[in-house]
Amino acid sequence: MANSSEALAAIFLTALAAYFSLHTMTAIAGSEESADEKIARAMSAGPTDISADATIMDVDGTVLRTGSNGWTCLPGVALIPGDSHPMCNDAAWMAFMQAAADGQPYVPSVIGVSYMLMGDALVNNDDPGATDPNDGGTWVQEGPHLMLLVPSMDLLEGMSRDPYSGGPYVMWEKTPVAHVMVPLNDKSR
């Protein structure tokens, strides 16, 4: 059972990585944005005491600025062509993103933290590959938030899965990319 579960996770991560890569490359192809503009947008994703000394990496992996504090900020991971949402990630989140890009499962050994203080795209809370907001799923467009990876889903027992219940909730629970969303302001349905 564990082998089929691992195979399913690898297939899912490969599909997710392809989805992210396709949309990211589409956004890059149409972009004439300067490195300074990308750096400024990337820095807006996290608190200044993190982003000021973070490495800034473009969505294609190019390092735009070398940092010194172990954090990496990206100008965005485009979920919708031309629509980037910047993020600042600790080492666990960067390892998670690399594993997803490589189609490999990833379970952190520590709690991972990612900031998205500029908000995120409209996404389905249950299915990261969903593209139709009219599919009957639970869709949410989160404003400023942080995201947490945990070493074991058992740690999330009792936490809400409903993005509209108020407070932190679990996103993409039944997938290899499950994580905790921590909203930092109110939202409406």
C-alpha atoms as a PDB file:
ATOM      1  CA  MET A   1       0.000   0.000   0.000  1.00  0.00           C
ATOM      2  CA  ALA A   2       2.812   2.441   0.812  1.00  0.00           C
ATOM      3  CA  ASN A   3       4.388   1.853  -2.623  1.00  0.00           C
ATOM      4  CA  SER A   4       1.158   2.601  -4.506  1.00  0.00           C
ATOM      5  CA  SER A   5       0.627   5.644  -2.291  1.00  0.00           C
ATOM      6  CA  GLU A   6       4.165   6.844  -3.048  1.00  0.00           C
ATOM      7  CA  ALA A   7       3.621   6.227  -6.781  1.00  0.00           C
ATOM      8  CA  LEU A   8       0.380   8.209  -6.692  1.00  0.00           C
ATOM      9  CA  ALA A   9       2.141  11.042  -4.863  1.00  0.00           C
ATOM     10  CA  ALA A  10       4.936  11.087  -7.448  1.00  0.00           C
ATOM     11  CA  ILE A  11       2.432  11.152 -10.332  1.00  0.00           C
ATOM     12  CA  PHE A  12       0.492  13.941  -8.648  1.00  0.00           C
ATOM     13  CA  LEU A  13       3.632  16.002  -7.986  1.00  0.00           C
ATOM     14  CA  THR A  14       4.775  15.538 -11.593  1.00  0.00           C
ATOM     15  CA  ALA A  15       1.421  16.776 -12.876  1.00  0.00           C
ATOM     16  CA  LEU A  16       1.468  19.697 -10.440  1.00  0.00           C
ATOM     17  CA  ALA A  17       5.030  20.632 -11.443  1.00  0.00           C
ATOM     18  CA  ALA A  18       4.064  20.528 -15.134  1.00  0.00           C
ATOM     19  CA  TYR A  19       1.049  22.743 -14.403  1.00  0.00           C
ATOM     20  CA  PHE A  20       3.184  25.297 -12.518  1.00  0.00           C
ATOM     21  CA  SER A  21       5.941  25.182 -15.163  1.00  0.00           C
ATOM     22  CA  LEU A  22       3.536  25.726 -18.072  1.00  0.00           C
ATOM     23  CA  HIS A  23       1.911  28.748 -16.455  1.00  0.00           C
ATOM     24  CA  THR A  24       5.212  30.132 -15.189  1.00  0.00           C
ATOM     25  CA  MET A  25       6.839  29.906 -18.625  1.00  0.00           C
ATOM     26  CA  THR A  26       3.781  31.559 -20.208  1.00  0.00           C
ATOM     27  CA  ALA A  27       4.099  34.436 -17.744  1.00  0.00           C
ATOM     28  CA  ILE A  28       7.857  34.742 -18.300  1.00  0.00           C
ATOM     29  CA  ALA A  29       7.517  34.733 -22.094  1.00  0.00           C
ATOM     30  CA  GLY A  30       5.281  37.809 -22.010  1.00  0.00           C
ATOM     31  CA  SER A  31       7.277  39.650 -19.374  1.00  0.00           C
ATOM     32  CA  GLU A  32       9.661  42.527 -20.044  1.00  0.00           C
ATOM     33  CA  GLU A  33      10.004  43.324 -16.366  1.00  0.00           C
ATOM     34  CA  SER A  34      13.404  44.540 -15.114  1.00  0.00           C
ATOM     35  CA  ALA A  35      15.399  42.680 -12.477  1.00  0.00           C
ATOM     36  CA  ASP A  36      14.903  45.612 -10.082  1.00  0.00           C
ATOM     37  CA  GLU A  37      11.105  45.394 -10.537  1.00  0.00           C
ATOM     38  CA  LYS A  38      11.173  41.649  -9.890  1.00  0.00           C
ATOM     39  CA  ILE A  39      13.341  42.122  -6.792  1.00  0.00           C
ATOM     40  CA  ALA A  40      10.975  44.780  -5.404  1.00  0.00           C
ATOM     41  CA  ARG A  41       7.939  42.553  -5.982  1.00  0.00           C
ATOM     42  CA  ALA A  42       9.674  39.532  -4.447  1.00  0.00           C
ATOM     43  CA  MET A  43      10.629  41.557  -1.366  1.00  0.00           C
ATOM     44  CA  SER A  44       6.998  42.634  -0.901  1.00  0.00           C
ATOM     45  CA  ALA A  45       6.035  39.032  -0.087  1.00  0.00           C
ATOM     46  CA  GLY A  46       7.639  38.890   3.346  1.00  0.00           C
ATOM     47  CA  PRO A  47       8.324  41.024   6.382  1.00  0.00           C
ATOM     48  CA  THR A  48      11.175  43.448   5.666  1.00  0.00           C
ATOM     49  CA  ASP A  49      13.364  41.889   8.371  1.00  0.00           C
ATOM     50  CA  ILE A  50      13.269  38.706   6.261  1.00  0.00           C
ATOM     51  CA  SER A  51      13.136  40.016   2.680  1.00  0.00           C
ATOM     52  CA  ALA A  52      15.885  42.631   3.162  1.00  0.00           C
ATOM     53  CA  ASP A  53      18.524  39.904   3.531  1.00  0.00           C
ATOM     54  CA  ALA A  54      16.847  37.103   1.534  1.00  0.00           C
ATOM     55  CA  THR A  55      18.094  35.626  -1.705  1.00  0.00           C
ATOM     56  CA  ILE A  56      15.864  36.808  -4.540  1.00  0.00           C
ATOM     57  CA  MET A  57      15.267  34.119  -7.155  1.00  0.00           C
ATOM     58  CA  ASP A  58      13.330  34.578 -10.380  1.00  0.00           C
ATOM     59  CA  VAL A  59      10.670  32.008 -11.275  1.00  0.00           C
ATOM     60  CA  ASP A  60      13.090  30.400 -13.769  1.00  0.00           C
ATOM     61  CA  GLY A  61      15.679  29.792 -11.005  1.00  0.00           C
ATOM     62  CA  THR A  62      17.948  32.733 -11.864  1.00  0.00           C
ATOM     63  CA  VAL A  63      19.359  34.335  -8.707  1.00  0.00           C
ATOM     64  CA  LEU A  64      18.668  38.060  -8.979  1.00  0.00           C
ATOM     65  CA  ARG A  65      20.309  38.881  -5.637  1.00  0.00           C
ATOM     66  CA  THR A  66      22.265  36.716  -3.215  1.00  0.00           C
ATOM     67  CA  GLY A  67      21.071  36.887   0.373  1.00  0.00           C
ATOM     68  CA  SER A  68      22.519  35.963   3.737  1.00  0.00           C
ATOM     69  CA  ASN A  69      19.669  34.801   5.993  1.00  0.00           C
ATOM     70  CA  GLY A  70      18.597  31.448   4.499  1.00  0.00           C
ATOM     71  CA  TRP A  71      15.296  32.773   3.087  1.00  0.00           C
ATOM     72  CA  THR A  72      14.437  32.917  -0.623  1.00  0.00           C
ATOM     73  CA  CYS A  73      11.882  35.326  -2.056  1.00  0.00           C
ATOM     74  CA  LEU A  74      10.389  34.875  -5.518  1.00  0.00           C
ATOM     75  CA  PRO A  75       8.560  37.526  -7.576  1.00  0.00           C
ATOM     76  CA  GLY A  76       5.800  34.976  -8.076  1.00  0.00           C
ATOM     77  CA  VAL A  77       4.737  31.527  -9.052  1.00  0.00           C
ATOM     78  CA  ALA A  78       2.206  32.293 -11.741  1.00  0.00           C
ATOM     79  CA  LEU A  79      -0.911  30.178 -11.346  1.00  0.00           C
ATOM     80  CA  ILE A  80      -2.696  32.305 -13.912  1.00  0.00           C
ATOM     81  CA  PRO A  81      -0.693  33.456 -16.961  1.00  0.00           C
ATOM     82  CA  GLY A  82       0.558  36.998 -16.403  1.00  0.00           C
ATOM     83  CA  ASP A  83      -0.622  37.062 -12.775  1.00  0.00           C
ATOM     84  CA  SER A  84       2.249  36.588 -10.302  1.00  0.00           C
ATOM     85  CA  HIS A  85       1.989  36.297  -6.561  1.00  0.00           C
ATOM     86  CA  PRO A  86       5.287  36.797  -4.718  1.00  0.00           C
ATOM     87  CA  MET A  87       6.390  34.544  -1.875  1.00  0.00           C
ATOM     88  CA  CYS A  88       9.241  34.331   0.656  1.00  0.00           C
ATOM     89  CA  ASN A  89      10.222  30.796   1.663  1.00  0.00           C
ATOM     90  CA  ASP A  90      12.410  29.210   4.296  1.00  0.00           C
ATOM     91  CA  ALA A  91      14.661  26.262   3.390  1.00  0.00           C
ATOM     92  CA  ALA A  92      11.914  23.665   4.000  1.00  0.00           C
ATOM     93  CA  TRP A  93       9.553  25.395   1.545  1.00  0.00           C
ATOM     94  CA  MET A  94      12.290  25.718  -1.069  1.00  0.00           C
ATOM     95  CA  ALA A  95      13.046  21.985  -0.708  1.00  0.00           C
ATOM     96  CA  PHE A  96       9.317  21.279  -1.023  1.00  0.00           C
ATOM     97  CA  MET A  97       9.068  23.382  -4.198  1.00  0.00           C
ATOM     98  CA  GLN A  98      12.151  21.689  -5.685  1.00  0.00           C
ATOM     99  CA  ALA A  99      10.695  18.255  -4.917  1.00  0.00           C
ATOM    100  CA  ALA A 100       7.414  19.257  -6.598  1.00  0.00           C
ATOM    101  CA  ALA A 101       9.308  20.519  -9.662  1.00  0.00           C
ATOM    102  CA  ASP A 102      11.233  17.221  -9.779  1.00  0.00           C
ATOM    103  CA  GLY A 103       8.044  15.183  -9.341  1.00  0.00           C
ATOM    104  CA  GLN A 104       9.232  13.791  -6.020  1.00  0.00           C
ATOM    105  CA  PRO A 105       7.329  13.488  -2.736  1.00  0.00           C
ATOM    106  CA  TYR A 106       8.581  15.621   0.141  1.00  0.00           C
ATOM    107  CA  VAL A 107       7.933  15.426   3.871  1.00  0.00           C
ATOM    108  CA  PRO A 108       9.685  18.127   5.890  1.00  0.00           C
ATOM    109  CA  SER A 109      11.581  17.206   9.036  1.00  0.00           C
ATOM    110  CA  VAL A 110      10.750  20.620  10.533  1.00  0.00           C
ATOM    111  CA  ILE A 111       7.886  23.097  10.256  1.00  0.00           C
ATOM    112  CA  GLY A 112       8.327  25.062   7.023  1.00  0.00           C
ATOM    113  CA  VAL A 113       7.230  28.694   6.639  1.00  0.00           C
ATOM    114  CA  SER A 114       6.277  30.689   3.543  1.00  0.00           C
ATOM    115  CA  TYR A 115       4.979  34.270   3.472  1.00  0.00           C
ATOM    116  CA  MET A 116       2.629  35.614   0.811  1.00  0.00           C
ATOM    117  CA  LEU A 117       1.896  39.085   2.173  1.00  0.00           C
ATOM    118  CA  MET A 118       0.622  40.304  -1.219  1.00  0.00           C
ATOM    119  CA  GLY A 119      -2.015  37.563  -1.381  1.00  0.00           C
ATOM    120  CA  ASP A 120      -2.618  34.698  -3.754  1.00  0.00           C
ATOM    121  CA  ALA A 121      -4.625  33.648  -6.802  1.00  0.00           C
ATOM    122  CA  LEU A 122      -8.106  32.143  -6.710  1.00  0.00           C
ATOM    123  CA  VAL A 123      -7.593  28.420  -5.977  1.00  0.00           C
ATOM    124  CA  ASN A 124      -9.646  25.375  -5.118  1.00  0.00           C
ATOM    125  CA  ASN A 125      -9.050  24.493  -1.449  1.00  0.00           C
ATOM    126  CA  ASP A 126      -9.299  20.744  -2.100  1.00  0.00           C
ATOM    127  CA  ASP A 127      -7.745  20.280  -5.551  1.00  0.00           C
ATOM    128  CA  PRO A 128      -4.559  22.181  -6.534  1.00  0.00           C
ATOM    129  CA  GLY A 129      -5.025  21.203 -10.179  1.00  0.00           C
ATOM    130  CA  ALA A 130      -8.592  22.535 -10.483  1.00  0.00           C
ATOM    131  CA  THR A 131      -9.033  25.333 -13.024  1.00  0.00           C
ATOM    132  CA  ASP A 132     -12.798  25.957 -13.126  1.00  0.00           C
ATOM    133  CA  PRO A 133     -14.159  28.122 -10.282  1.00  0.00           C
ATOM    134  CA  ASN A 134     -17.655  26.951 -11.268  1.00  0.00           C
ATOM    135  CA  ASP A 135     -16.887  23.260 -10.607  1.00  0.00           C
ATOM    136  CA  GLY A 136     -18.767  23.217  -7.286  1.00  0.00           C
ATOM    137  CA  GLY A 137     -15.537  23.056  -5.236  1.00  0.00           C
ATOM    138  CA  THR A 138     -14.528  25.340  -2.389  1.00  0.00           C
ATOM    139  CA  TRP A 139     -12.647  28.217  -3.990  1.00  0.00           C
ATOM    140  CA  VAL A 140     -10.743  30.870  -2.059  1.00  0.00           C
ATOM    141  CA  GLN A 141      -8.591  33.860  -2.941  1.00  0.00           C
ATOM    142  CA  GLU A 142      -6.540  34.505   0.141  1.00  0.00           C
ATOM    143  CA  GLY A 143      -5.211  37.953   0.950  1.00  0.00           C
ATOM    144  CA  PRO A 144      -2.025  38.339   2.983  1.00  0.00           C
ATOM    145  CA  HIS A 145      -1.172  35.001   4.603  1.00  0.00           C
ATOM    146  CA  LEU A 146       1.533  32.635   5.617  1.00  0.00           C
ATOM    147  CA  MET A 147       1.718  28.929   4.875  1.00  0.00           C
ATOM    148  CA  LEU A 148       3.111  26.148   7.037  1.00  0.00           C
ATOM    149  CA  LEU A 149       4.403  22.715   6.101  1.00  0.00           C
ATOM    150  CA  VAL A 150       4.315  20.130   8.885  1.00  0.00           C
ATOM    151  CA  PRO A 151       6.259  16.873   9.312  1.00  0.00           C
ATOM    152  CA  SER A 152       3.057  14.899   9.906  1.00  0.00           C
ATOM    153  CA  MET A 153      -0.569  15.475   8.993  1.00  0.00           C
ATOM    154  CA  ASP A 154      -1.399  13.923  12.389  1.00  0.00           C
ATOM    155  CA  LEU A 155      -0.380  17.271  13.894  1.00  0.00           C
ATOM    156  CA  LEU A 156      -3.349  18.880  12.126  1.00  0.00           C
ATOM    157  CA  GLU A 157      -6.060  16.737  13.677  1.00  0.00           C
ATOM    158  CA  GLY A 158      -8.987  18.947  14.604  1.00  0.00           C
ATOM    159  CA  MET A 159      -7.868  21.907  12.461  1.00  0.00           C
ATOM    160  CA  SER A 160     -10.492  23.290  10.092  1.00  0.00           C
ATOM    161  CA  ARG A 161     -10.458  22.404   6.413  1.00  0.00           C
ATOM    162  CA  ASP A 162     -12.873  25.253   5.668  1.00  0.00           C
ATOM    163  CA  PRO A 163     -11.186  28.474   4.463  1.00  0.00           C
ATOM    164  CA  TYR A 164     -14.225  30.465   5.578  1.00  0.00           C
ATOM    165  CA  SER A 165     -14.430  29.185   9.172  1.00  0.00           C
ATOM    166  CA  GLY A 166     -12.083  31.887  10.482  1.00  0.00           C
ATOM    167  CA  GLY A 167      -8.452  31.398  11.373  1.00  0.00           C
ATOM    168  CA  PRO A 168      -5.940  28.844  10.076  1.00  0.00           C
ATOM    169  CA  TYR A 169      -7.121  25.952   7.919  1.00  0.00           C
ATOM    170  CA  VAL A 170      -5.690  23.030   5.962  1.00  0.00           C
ATOM    171  CA  MET A 171      -5.404  23.434   2.198  1.00  0.00           C
ATOM    172  CA  TRP A 172      -5.142  20.496  -0.229  1.00  0.00           C
ATOM    173  CA  GLU A 173      -5.460  18.014   2.664  1.00  0.00           C
ATOM    174  CA  LYS A 174      -5.666  14.793   0.661  1.00  0.00           C
ATOM    175  CA  THR A 175      -2.693  15.577  -1.572  1.00  0.00           C
ATOM    176  CA  PRO A 176       1.101  15.477  -1.234  1.00  0.00           C
ATOM    177  CA  VAL A 177       1.068  19.302  -1.199  1.00  0.00           C
ATOM    178  CA  ALA A 178      -1.090  19.673   1.924  1.00  0.00           C
ATOM    179  CA  HIS A 179      -0.210  22.665   4.081  1.00  0.00           C
ATOM    180  CA  VAL A 180      -1.678  25.041   6.660  1.00  0.00           C
ATOM    181  CA  MET A 181      -2.950  28.429   5.516  1.00  0.00           C
ATOM    182  CA  VAL A 182      -2.819  31.223   8.100  1.00  0.00           C
ATOM    183  CA  PRO A 183      -4.836  34.244   6.896  1.00  0.00           C
ATOM    184  CA  LEU A 184      -3.598  37.599   8.168  1.00  0.00           C
ATOM    185  CA  ASN A 185      -6.773  39.587   7.449  1.00  0.00           C
ATOM    186  CA  ASP A 186     -10.513  39.082   6.938  1.00  0.00           C
ATOM    187  CA  LYS A 187     -12.003  37.820   3.693  1.00  0.00           C
ATOM    188  CA  SER A 188     -15.494  37.494   2.363  1.00  0.00           C
ATOM    189  CA  ARG A 189     -17.079  34.588   0.540  1.00  0.00           C
END
